[in-house]
Amino acid sequence: MLIKDVEVISNKQISVGTFLLEVESEEFSKSILPGQFFNIQVSQNSFPLLRRPFSISNISGNSLFFMYKVVGEGTQIMAEKKKGDILNLLGPLGNSFQYDDSYDQIFVVAGGIGIAPFPLLIKQFKTNQKYSVLFGVRNKHEVHDYGINNVVYSSDDGSIGLNGNVIELLRNNINENSTQKIKIYSCGPNSMFRALKQFIGNKNIDCEISMESAMACGFGICQGCPVEHNVENKYKLICKDGPIFKIQDIII
């Protein structure tokens, strides 16, 4: 874990309300695993006071990429950053997705900005790995294809892909009678995770999820991001013990 000022290289809008921020840091780029995140100080003054957590979306050379959606004051400040501006990064933080090539089929299930951590993960897949990206959005204006392929969409309003949610899309793409070894990676809101957990039920499917939460510190000191863990019968911290969990192990 490092704390360092970095320079903004670019900050561009890739769909309505969604941006891709590029910063440069040789030190950070050498130590990042798919699924980890950074706590970013979006302003050099005291407002906003707390850092914001952002999944690392991709790495290219010494460049780090963060995908984010403008939803409040912090991300609005981020959206106004220009080439040459300075941000302070704390990270990399948290654990990572676990991947091996023993799975017959992988499904990446993302709800909205939950697509953010997956470009880096997908780059780790072996060239012969069979996988599909299931991307759920509210409408066609939220669609982009940064760092992803083999994409199937669902939309709440039916303007692109399946008219429905991304769990319905997953149900349509999984053959429940198949004997294939299946892995799911997912990121999105808790309501999506609850539906995903119900869908998986007792099926023999491995599923890792990346959980979202406000994180004041990012490494477990403030105790502000608990999640109930039903295996060890105690609470875990999303920032320190996660953000990646097996979906069967937590109570959502």
C-alpha atoms as a PDB file:
ATOM      1  CA  MET A   1       0.000   0.000   0.000  1.00  0.00           C
ATOM      2  CA  LEU A   2       1.342   3.384  -1.066  1.00  0.00           C
ATOM      3  CA  ILE A   3       0.106   6.960  -0.872  1.00  0.00           C
ATOM      4  CA  LYS A   4       1.196   9.166  -3.726  1.00  0.00           C
ATOM      5  CA  ASP A   5       0.295  12.146  -5.882  1.00  0.00           C
ATOM      6  CA  VAL A   6      -0.267  11.209  -9.516  1.00  0.00           C
ATOM      7  CA  GLU A   7      -0.842  13.240 -12.662  1.00  0.00           C
ATOM      8  CA  VAL A   8      -4.009  13.041 -14.711  1.00  0.00           C
ATOM      9  CA  ILE A   9      -3.262  11.997 -18.298  1.00  0.00           C
ATOM     10  CA  SER A  10      -6.830  12.011 -19.609  1.00  0.00           C
ATOM     11  CA  ASN A  11     -10.401  12.048 -18.331  1.00  0.00           C
ATOM     12  CA  LYS A  12     -13.008  11.299 -20.973  1.00  0.00           C
ATOM     13  CA  GLN A  13     -16.703  10.517 -21.035  1.00  0.00           C
ATOM     14  CA  ILE A  14     -17.408   7.038 -22.457  1.00  0.00           C
ATOM     15  CA  SER A  15     -21.203   7.007 -22.045  1.00  0.00           C
ATOM     16  CA  VAL A  16     -23.841   9.239 -20.474  1.00  0.00           C
ATOM     17  CA  GLY A  17     -22.585  10.041 -16.974  1.00  0.00           C
ATOM     18  CA  THR A  18     -19.720   7.526 -17.120  1.00  0.00           C
ATOM     19  CA  PHE A  19     -16.073   8.587 -17.357  1.00  0.00           C
ATOM     20  CA  LEU A  20     -12.686   6.925 -17.780  1.00  0.00           C
ATOM     21  CA  LEU A  21      -9.840   8.558 -15.862  1.00  0.00           C
ATOM     22  CA  GLU A  22      -6.211   7.812 -16.767  1.00  0.00           C
ATOM     23  CA  VAL A  23      -3.363   8.606 -14.377  1.00  0.00           C
ATOM     24  CA  GLU A  24       0.311   7.736 -14.567  1.00  0.00           C
ATOM     25  CA  SER A  25       2.316   5.969 -11.872  1.00  0.00           C
ATOM     26  CA  GLU A  26       5.126   3.482 -12.400  1.00  0.00           C
ATOM     27  CA  GLU A  27       5.120   2.512  -8.706  1.00  0.00           C
ATOM     28  CA  PHE A  28       1.412   1.663  -8.553  1.00  0.00           C
ATOM     29  CA  SER A  29       1.244  -0.102 -11.900  1.00  0.00           C
ATOM     30  CA  LYS A  30       3.614  -2.875 -10.825  1.00  0.00           C
ATOM     31  CA  SER A  31       1.636  -4.132  -7.831  1.00  0.00           C
ATOM     32  CA  ILE A  32      -2.068  -4.227  -8.757  1.00  0.00           C
ATOM     33  CA  LEU A  33      -4.278  -7.326  -8.938  1.00  0.00           C
ATOM     34  CA  PRO A  34      -7.714  -7.534 -10.624  1.00  0.00           C
ATOM     35  CA  GLY A  35     -10.461  -6.518  -8.204  1.00  0.00           C
ATOM     36  CA  GLN A  36      -8.371  -4.259  -5.986  1.00  0.00           C
ATOM     37  CA  PHE A  37      -9.260  -0.613  -5.469  1.00  0.00           C
ATOM     38  CA  PHE A  38      -7.803   2.766  -4.562  1.00  0.00           C
ATOM     39  CA  ASN A  39      -9.066   5.423  -2.175  1.00  0.00           C
ATOM     40  CA  ILE A  40      -8.735   8.681  -4.072  1.00  0.00           C
ATOM     41  CA  GLN A  41      -8.599  12.183  -2.653  1.00  0.00           C
ATOM     42  CA  VAL A  42     -10.507  14.010  -5.368  1.00  0.00           C
ATOM     43  CA  SER A  43      -9.626  17.523  -4.205  1.00  0.00           C
ATOM     44  CA  GLN A  44      -6.478  19.139  -2.838  1.00  0.00           C
ATOM     45  CA  ASN A  45      -8.467  21.153  -0.310  1.00  0.00           C
ATOM     46  CA  SER A  46     -10.604  19.983   2.623  1.00  0.00           C
ATOM     47  CA  PHE A  47     -13.796  19.465   0.609  1.00  0.00           C
ATOM     48  CA  PRO A  48     -14.897  16.795   0.258  1.00  0.00           C
ATOM     49  CA  LEU A  49     -13.213  15.569   3.420  1.00  0.00           C
ATOM     50  CA  LEU A  50     -13.288  11.812   2.779  1.00  0.00           C
ATOM     51  CA  ARG A  51     -11.579   9.875   0.023  1.00  0.00           C
ATOM     52  CA  ARG A  52     -13.655   7.959  -2.528  1.00  0.00           C
ATOM     53  CA  PRO A  53     -13.038   4.276  -3.344  1.00  0.00           C
ATOM     54  CA  PHE A  54     -12.643   3.327  -7.025  1.00  0.00           C
ATOM     55  CA  SER A  55     -11.938  -0.084  -8.507  1.00  0.00           C
ATOM     56  CA  ILE A  56      -8.897  -0.263 -10.720  1.00  0.00           C
ATOM     57  CA  SER A  57     -10.367  -0.806 -14.164  1.00  0.00           C
ATOM     58  CA  ASN A  58      -7.290  -1.382 -16.281  1.00  0.00           C
ATOM     59  CA  ILE A  59      -3.518  -1.005 -16.540  1.00  0.00           C
ATOM     60  CA  SER A  60      -1.470  -0.203 -19.632  1.00  0.00           C
ATOM     61  CA  GLY A  61       2.234   0.387 -19.162  1.00  0.00           C
ATOM     62  CA  ASN A  62       2.527   2.929 -16.361  1.00  0.00           C
ATOM     63  CA  SER A  63      -1.049   4.140 -16.830  1.00  0.00           C
ATOM     64  CA  LEU A  64      -3.873   3.267 -14.426  1.00  0.00           C
ATOM     65  CA  PHE A  65      -7.492   3.592 -15.525  1.00  0.00           C
ATOM     66  CA  PHE A  66     -10.485   4.240 -13.273  1.00  0.00           C
ATOM     67  CA  MET A  67     -14.044   4.014 -14.568  1.00  0.00           C
ATOM     68  CA  TYR A  68     -16.622   5.981 -12.591  1.00  0.00           C
ATOM     69  CA  LYS A  69     -20.136   7.353 -12.792  1.00  0.00           C
ATOM     70  CA  VAL A  70     -21.055  10.863 -11.691  1.00  0.00           C
ATOM     71  CA  VAL A  71     -23.461  10.397  -8.781  1.00  0.00           C
ATOM     72  CA  GLY A  72     -22.519  13.075  -6.242  1.00  0.00           C
ATOM     73  CA  GLU A  73     -20.183  15.921  -5.339  1.00  0.00           C
ATOM     74  CA  GLY A  74     -17.012  13.811  -5.224  1.00  0.00           C
ATOM     75  CA  THR A  75     -17.460  12.240  -8.639  1.00  0.00           C
ATOM     76  CA  GLN A  76     -18.563  15.580 -10.104  1.00  0.00           C
ATOM     77  CA  ILE A  77     -15.229  17.029  -8.985  1.00  0.00           C
ATOM     78  CA  MET A  78     -13.500  14.018 -10.590  1.00  0.00           C
ATOM     79  CA  ALA A  79     -15.323  14.627 -13.873  1.00  0.00           C
ATOM     80  CA  GLU A  80     -13.883  18.149 -14.017  1.00  0.00           C
ATOM     81  CA  LYS A  81     -10.259  16.985 -13.775  1.00  0.00           C
ATOM     82  CA  LYS A  82      -8.063  17.786 -16.768  1.00  0.00           C
ATOM     83  CA  LYS A  83      -4.711  16.670 -18.112  1.00  0.00           C
ATOM     84  CA  GLY A  84      -1.955  17.787 -15.748  1.00  0.00           C
ATOM     85  CA  ASP A  85      -4.166  17.972 -12.641  1.00  0.00           C
ATOM     86  CA  ILE A  86      -2.973  16.119  -9.530  1.00  0.00           C
ATOM     87  CA  LEU A  87      -4.823  13.454  -7.544  1.00  0.00           C
ATOM     88  CA  ASN A  88      -3.678  11.724  -4.383  1.00  0.00           C
ATOM     89  CA  LEU A  89      -4.050   7.919  -4.460  1.00  0.00           C
ATOM     90  CA  LEU A  90      -3.964   5.446  -1.575  1.00  0.00           C
ATOM     91  CA  GLY A  91      -3.601   1.810  -2.610  1.00  0.00           C
ATOM     92  CA  PRO A  92      -3.775  -0.705  -3.984  1.00  0.00           C
ATOM     93  CA  LEU A  93      -6.252  -1.897  -1.346  1.00  0.00           C
ATOM     94  CA  GLY A  94      -8.289  -5.019  -0.692  1.00  0.00           C
ATOM     95  CA  ASN A  95      -8.111  -8.539  -2.064  1.00  0.00           C
ATOM     96  CA  SER A  96      -8.485  -9.726  -5.645  1.00  0.00           C
ATOM     97  CA  PHE A  97     -10.490 -11.976  -7.943  1.00  0.00           C
ATOM     98  CA  GLN A  98      -9.220 -15.554  -8.127  1.00  0.00           C
ATOM     99  CA  TYR A  99      -8.929 -16.968 -11.633  1.00  0.00           C
ATOM    100  CA  ASP A 100      -7.747 -20.258 -13.059  1.00  0.00           C
ATOM    101  CA  ASP A 101      -8.391 -21.833 -16.446  1.00  0.00           C
ATOM    102  CA  SER A 102     -10.205 -24.938 -15.160  1.00  0.00           C
ATOM    103  CA  TYR A 103     -13.686 -23.518 -15.871  1.00  0.00           C
ATOM    104  CA  ASP A 104     -15.607 -24.528 -18.983  1.00  0.00           C
ATOM    105  CA  GLN A 105     -17.587 -21.281 -18.990  1.00  0.00           C
ATOM    106  CA  ILE A 106     -17.231 -17.939 -17.198  1.00  0.00           C
ATOM    107  CA  PHE A 107     -19.961 -15.346 -16.859  1.00  0.00           C
ATOM    108  CA  VAL A 108     -19.062 -11.762 -15.962  1.00  0.00           C
ATOM    109  CA  VAL A 109     -22.262 -10.251 -14.542  1.00  0.00           C
ATOM    110  CA  ALA A 110     -22.262  -6.477 -14.149  1.00  0.00           C
ATOM    111  CA  GLY A 111     -24.932  -4.009 -13.134  1.00  0.00           C
ATOM    112  CA  GLY A 112     -24.326  -0.439 -14.331  1.00  0.00           C
ATOM    113  CA  ILE A 113     -20.990   0.952 -13.145  1.00  0.00           C
ATOM    114  CA  GLY A 114     -20.341  -2.528 -11.726  1.00  0.00           C
ATOM    115  CA  ILE A 115     -18.637  -3.189 -15.053  1.00  0.00           C
ATOM    116  CA  ALA A 116     -15.673  -1.076 -13.834  1.00  0.00           C
ATOM    117  CA  PRO A 117     -13.323  -3.767 -12.395  1.00  0.00           C
ATOM    118  CA  PHE A 118     -13.657  -6.257 -15.243  1.00  0.00           C
ATOM    119  CA  PRO A 119     -11.431  -5.029 -18.107  1.00  0.00           C
ATOM    120  CA  LEU A 120      -8.333  -5.882 -16.051  1.00  0.00           C
ATOM    121  CA  LEU A 121      -9.747  -9.263 -14.998  1.00  0.00           C
ATOM    122  CA  ILE A 122     -10.683 -10.200 -18.568  1.00  0.00           C
ATOM    123  CA  LYS A 123      -7.102  -9.518 -19.651  1.00  0.00           C
ATOM    124  CA  GLN A 124      -6.024 -12.363 -17.337  1.00  0.00           C
ATOM    125  CA  PHE A 125      -8.220 -14.948 -19.062  1.00  0.00           C
ATOM    126  CA  LYS A 126      -6.396 -17.514 -21.175  1.00  0.00           C
ATOM    127  CA  THR A 127      -6.894 -17.119 -24.919  1.00  0.00           C
ATOM    128  CA  ASN A 128      -9.013 -20.275 -25.132  1.00  0.00           C
ATOM    129  CA  GLN A 129     -11.208 -19.377 -22.144  1.00  0.00           C
ATOM    130  CA  LYS A 130     -14.911 -19.372 -22.985  1.00  0.00           C
ATOM    131  CA  TYR A 131     -16.649 -16.424 -21.356  1.00  0.00           C
ATOM    132  CA  SER A 132     -19.535 -14.001 -21.753  1.00  0.00           C
ATOM    133  CA  VAL A 133     -19.985 -10.510 -20.342  1.00  0.00           C
ATOM    134  CA  LEU A 134     -23.571  -9.863 -19.222  1.00  0.00           C
ATOM    135  CA  PHE A 135     -23.990  -6.107 -18.855  1.00  0.00           C
ATOM    136  CA  GLY A 136     -27.177  -4.725 -17.316  1.00  0.00           C
ATOM    137  CA  VAL A 137     -27.996  -1.033 -17.828  1.00  0.00           C
ATOM    138  CA  ARG A 138     -30.992   1.222 -17.321  1.00  0.00           C
ATOM    139  CA  ASN A 139     -31.066   2.274 -20.975  1.00  0.00           C
ATOM    140  CA  LYS A 140     -28.978   2.255 -24.164  1.00  0.00           C
ATOM    141  CA  HIS A 141     -27.340   5.577 -23.301  1.00  0.00           C
ATOM    142  CA  GLU A 142     -25.361   3.889 -20.492  1.00  0.00           C
ATOM    143  CA  VAL A 143     -23.778   1.373 -22.865  1.00  0.00           C
ATOM    144  CA  HIS A 144     -20.058   1.371 -23.671  1.00  0.00           C
ATOM    145  CA  ASP A 145     -17.591  -1.322 -24.648  1.00  0.00           C
ATOM    146  CA  TYR A 146     -14.403  -0.172 -22.936  1.00  0.00           C
ATOM    147  CA  GLY A 147     -12.170  -3.177 -22.217  1.00  0.00           C
ATOM    148  CA  ILE A 148     -14.900  -5.767 -22.726  1.00  0.00           C
ATOM    149  CA  ASN A 149     -16.041  -8.091 -25.492  1.00  0.00           C
ATOM    150  CA  ASN A 150     -18.379 -11.069 -25.921  1.00  0.00           C
ATOM    151  CA  VAL A 151     -21.018  -8.749 -24.458  1.00  0.00           C
ATOM    152  CA  VAL A 152     -24.758  -9.368 -24.121  1.00  0.00           C
ATOM    153  CA  TYR A 153     -26.909  -6.521 -22.787  1.00  0.00           C
ATOM    154  CA  SER A 154     -30.059  -6.154 -20.755  1.00  0.00           C
ATOM    155  CA  SER A 155     -31.839  -2.857 -20.134  1.00  0.00           C
ATOM    156  CA  ASP A 156     -34.592  -1.796 -17.769  1.00  0.00           C
ATOM    157  CA  ASP A 157     -36.471   0.018 -20.522  1.00  0.00           C
ATOM    158  CA  GLY A 158     -35.856  -2.484 -23.333  1.00  0.00           C
ATOM    159  CA  SER A 159     -33.900   0.004 -25.448  1.00  0.00           C
ATOM    160  CA  ILE A 160     -31.025  -2.462 -25.895  1.00  0.00           C
ATOM    161  CA  GLY A 161     -30.768  -6.215 -25.482  1.00  0.00           C
ATOM    162  CA  LEU A 162     -33.111  -8.092 -23.160  1.00  0.00           C
ATOM    163  CA  ASN A 163     -35.942  -6.048 -21.693  1.00  0.00           C
ATOM    164  CA  GLY A 164     -35.300  -6.921 -18.056  1.00  0.00           C
ATOM    165  CA  ASN A 165     -32.499  -7.175 -15.517  1.00  0.00           C
ATOM    166  CA  VAL A 166     -29.111  -8.782 -15.776  1.00  0.00           C
ATOM    167  CA  ILE A 167     -30.054 -11.784 -13.605  1.00  0.00           C
ATOM    168  CA  GLU A 168     -32.833 -12.623 -16.052  1.00  0.00           C
ATOM    169  CA  LEU A 169     -30.179 -12.363 -18.766  1.00  0.00           C
ATOM    170  CA  LEU A 170     -27.960 -14.776 -16.827  1.00  0.00           C
ATOM    171  CA  ARG A 171     -30.857 -17.212 -16.433  1.00  0.00           C
ATOM    172  CA  ASN A 172     -31.365 -17.142 -20.195  1.00  0.00           C
ATOM    173  CA  ASN A 173     -27.691 -17.887 -20.833  1.00  0.00           C
ATOM    174  CA  ILE A 174     -27.126 -20.748 -18.386  1.00  0.00           C
ATOM    175  CA  ASN A 175     -28.210 -24.235 -19.322  1.00  0.00           C
ATOM    176  CA  GLU A 176     -29.356 -25.522 -15.933  1.00  0.00           C
ATOM    177  CA  ASN A 177     -28.990 -29.122 -17.075  1.00  0.00           C
ATOM    178  CA  SER A 178     -25.407 -28.628 -18.191  1.00  0.00           C
ATOM    179  CA  THR A 179     -22.564 -30.476 -16.476  1.00  0.00           C
ATOM    180  CA  GLN A 180     -20.116 -27.700 -17.339  1.00  0.00           C
ATOM    181  CA  LYS A 181     -17.906 -26.223 -14.639  1.00  0.00           C
ATOM    182  CA  ILE A 182     -19.131 -22.618 -14.380  1.00  0.00           C
ATOM    183  CA  LYS A 183     -17.683 -19.540 -12.672  1.00  0.00           C
ATOM    184  CA  ILE A 184     -19.426 -16.204 -12.160  1.00  0.00           C
ATOM    185  CA  TYR A 185     -17.717 -12.904 -11.405  1.00  0.00           C
ATOM    186  CA  SER A 186     -20.087 -10.096 -10.501  1.00  0.00           C
ATOM    187  CA  CYS A 187     -20.166  -6.477  -9.407  1.00  0.00           C
ATOM    188  CA  GLY A 188     -23.160  -4.212  -8.888  1.00  0.00           C
ATOM    189  CA  PRO A 189     -25.692  -3.122  -6.276  1.00  0.00           C
ATOM    190  CA  ASN A 190     -26.746  -5.303  -3.342  1.00  0.00           C
ATOM    191  CA  SER A 191     -30.211  -5.781  -4.825  1.00  0.00           C
ATOM    192  CA  MET A 192     -28.566  -7.495  -7.800  1.00  0.00           C
ATOM    193  CA  PHE A 193     -26.464  -9.665  -5.497  1.00  0.00           C
ATOM    194  CA  ARG A 194     -29.544 -10.798  -3.591  1.00  0.00           C
ATOM    195  CA  ALA A 195     -31.193 -11.871  -6.842  1.00  0.00           C
ATOM    196  CA  LEU A 196     -27.971 -13.536  -7.988  1.00  0.00           C
ATOM    197  CA  LYS A 197     -27.606 -15.467  -4.728  1.00  0.00           C
ATOM    198  CA  GLN A 198     -31.205 -16.661  -4.971  1.00  0.00           C
ATOM    199  CA  PHE A 199     -30.675 -17.736  -8.580  1.00  0.00           C
ATOM    200  CA  ILE A 200     -27.527 -19.723  -7.767  1.00  0.00           C
ATOM    201  CA  GLY A 201     -29.183 -21.460  -4.795  1.00  0.00           C
ATOM    202  CA  ASN A 202     -27.791 -24.972  -4.560  1.00  0.00           C
ATOM    203  CA  LYS A 203     -26.408 -25.034  -8.094  1.00  0.00           C
ATOM    204  CA  ASN A 204     -22.812 -26.150  -8.401  1.00  0.00           C
ATOM    205  CA  ILE A 205     -21.575 -22.719  -9.500  1.00  0.00           C
ATOM    206  CA  ASP A 206     -18.618 -20.794  -8.093  1.00  0.00           C
ATOM    207  CA  CYS A 207     -19.399 -17.105  -7.708  1.00  0.00           C
ATOM    208  CA  GLU A 208     -17.197 -14.228  -6.584  1.00  0.00           C
ATOM    209  CA  ILE A 209     -18.645 -10.762  -6.118  1.00  0.00           C
ATOM    210  CA  SER A 210     -17.022  -7.367  -5.743  1.00  0.00           C
ATOM    211  CA  MET A 211     -18.962  -5.371  -3.152  1.00  0.00           C
ATOM    212  CA  GLU A 212     -19.442  -1.623  -3.182  1.00  0.00           C
ATOM    213  CA  SER A 213     -19.445   0.574  -0.071  1.00  0.00           C
ATOM    214  CA  ALA A 214     -18.485   3.980   1.224  1.00  0.00           C
ATOM    215  CA  MET A 215     -15.006   3.568   2.700  1.00  0.00           C
ATOM    216  CA  ALA A 216     -13.595   6.398   4.785  1.00  0.00           C
ATOM    217  CA  CYS A 217     -10.180   4.840   5.382  1.00  0.00           C
ATOM    218  CA  GLY A 218      -9.949   1.914   2.952  1.00  0.00           C
ATOM    219  CA  PHE A 219      -7.922  -0.418   5.177  1.00  0.00           C
ATOM    220  CA  GLY A 220     -10.007  -1.310   8.233  1.00  0.00           C
ATOM    221  CA  ILE A 221      -9.328   1.403  10.789  1.00  0.00           C
ATOM    222  CA  CYS A 222     -12.695   3.185  10.716  1.00  0.00           C
ATOM    223  CA  GLN A 223     -14.796  -0.051  10.771  1.00  0.00           C
ATOM    224  CA  GLY A 224     -17.292   1.680   8.485  1.00  0.00           C
ATOM    225  CA  CYS A 225     -17.992  -1.012   5.865  1.00  0.00           C
ATOM    226  CA  PRO A 226     -19.123  -4.219   7.624  1.00  0.00           C
ATOM    227  CA  VAL A 227     -20.777  -7.190   5.928  1.00  0.00           C
ATOM    228  CA  GLU A 228     -22.170 -10.225   7.740  1.00  0.00           C
ATOM    229  CA  HIS A 229     -20.180 -13.399   7.067  1.00  0.00           C
ATOM    230  CA  ASN A 230     -22.211 -16.569   7.592  1.00  0.00           C
ATOM    231  CA  VAL A 231     -19.259 -18.997   7.531  1.00  0.00           C
ATOM    232  CA  GLU A 232     -17.315 -17.542  10.453  1.00  0.00           C
ATOM    233  CA  ASN A 233     -20.412 -16.074  12.164  1.00  0.00           C
ATOM    234  CA  LYS A 234     -18.966 -12.610  12.407  1.00  0.00           C
ATOM    235  CA  TYR A 235     -18.714  -9.395  10.454  1.00  0.00           C
ATOM    236  CA  LYS A 236     -16.072  -8.786   7.815  1.00  0.00           C
ATOM    237  CA  LEU A 237     -14.923  -5.441   6.460  1.00  0.00           C
ATOM    238  CA  ILE A 238     -15.450  -4.847   2.765  1.00  0.00           C
ATOM    239  CA  CYS A 239     -12.307  -2.723   2.482  1.00  0.00           C
ATOM    240  CA  LYS A 240      -9.892  -5.056   4.311  1.00  0.00           C
ATOM    241  CA  ASP A 241     -11.370  -8.571   3.965  1.00  0.00           C
ATOM    242  CA  GLY A 242     -12.897  -7.802   0.554  1.00  0.00           C
ATOM    243  CA  PRO A 243     -14.059  -6.241  -1.620  1.00  0.00           C
ATOM    244  CA  ILE A 244     -14.129  -9.717  -3.213  1.00  0.00           C
ATOM    245  CA  PHE A 245     -16.220 -12.382  -1.451  1.00  0.00           C
ATOM    246  CA  LYS A 246     -17.732 -15.709  -2.352  1.00  0.00           C
ATOM    247  CA  ILE A 247     -21.424 -14.934  -2.622  1.00  0.00           C
ATOM    248  CA  GLN A 248     -22.406 -18.012  -0.579  1.00  0.00           C
ATOM    249  CA  ASP A 249     -20.304 -16.805   2.362  1.00  0.00           C
ATOM    250  CA  ILE A 250     -22.038 -13.508   3.065  1.00  0.00           C
ATOM    251  CA  ILE A 251     -25.464 -12.303   4.084  1.00  0.00           C
ATOM    252  CA  ILE A 252     -26.647  -9.544   1.781  1.00  0.00           C
END
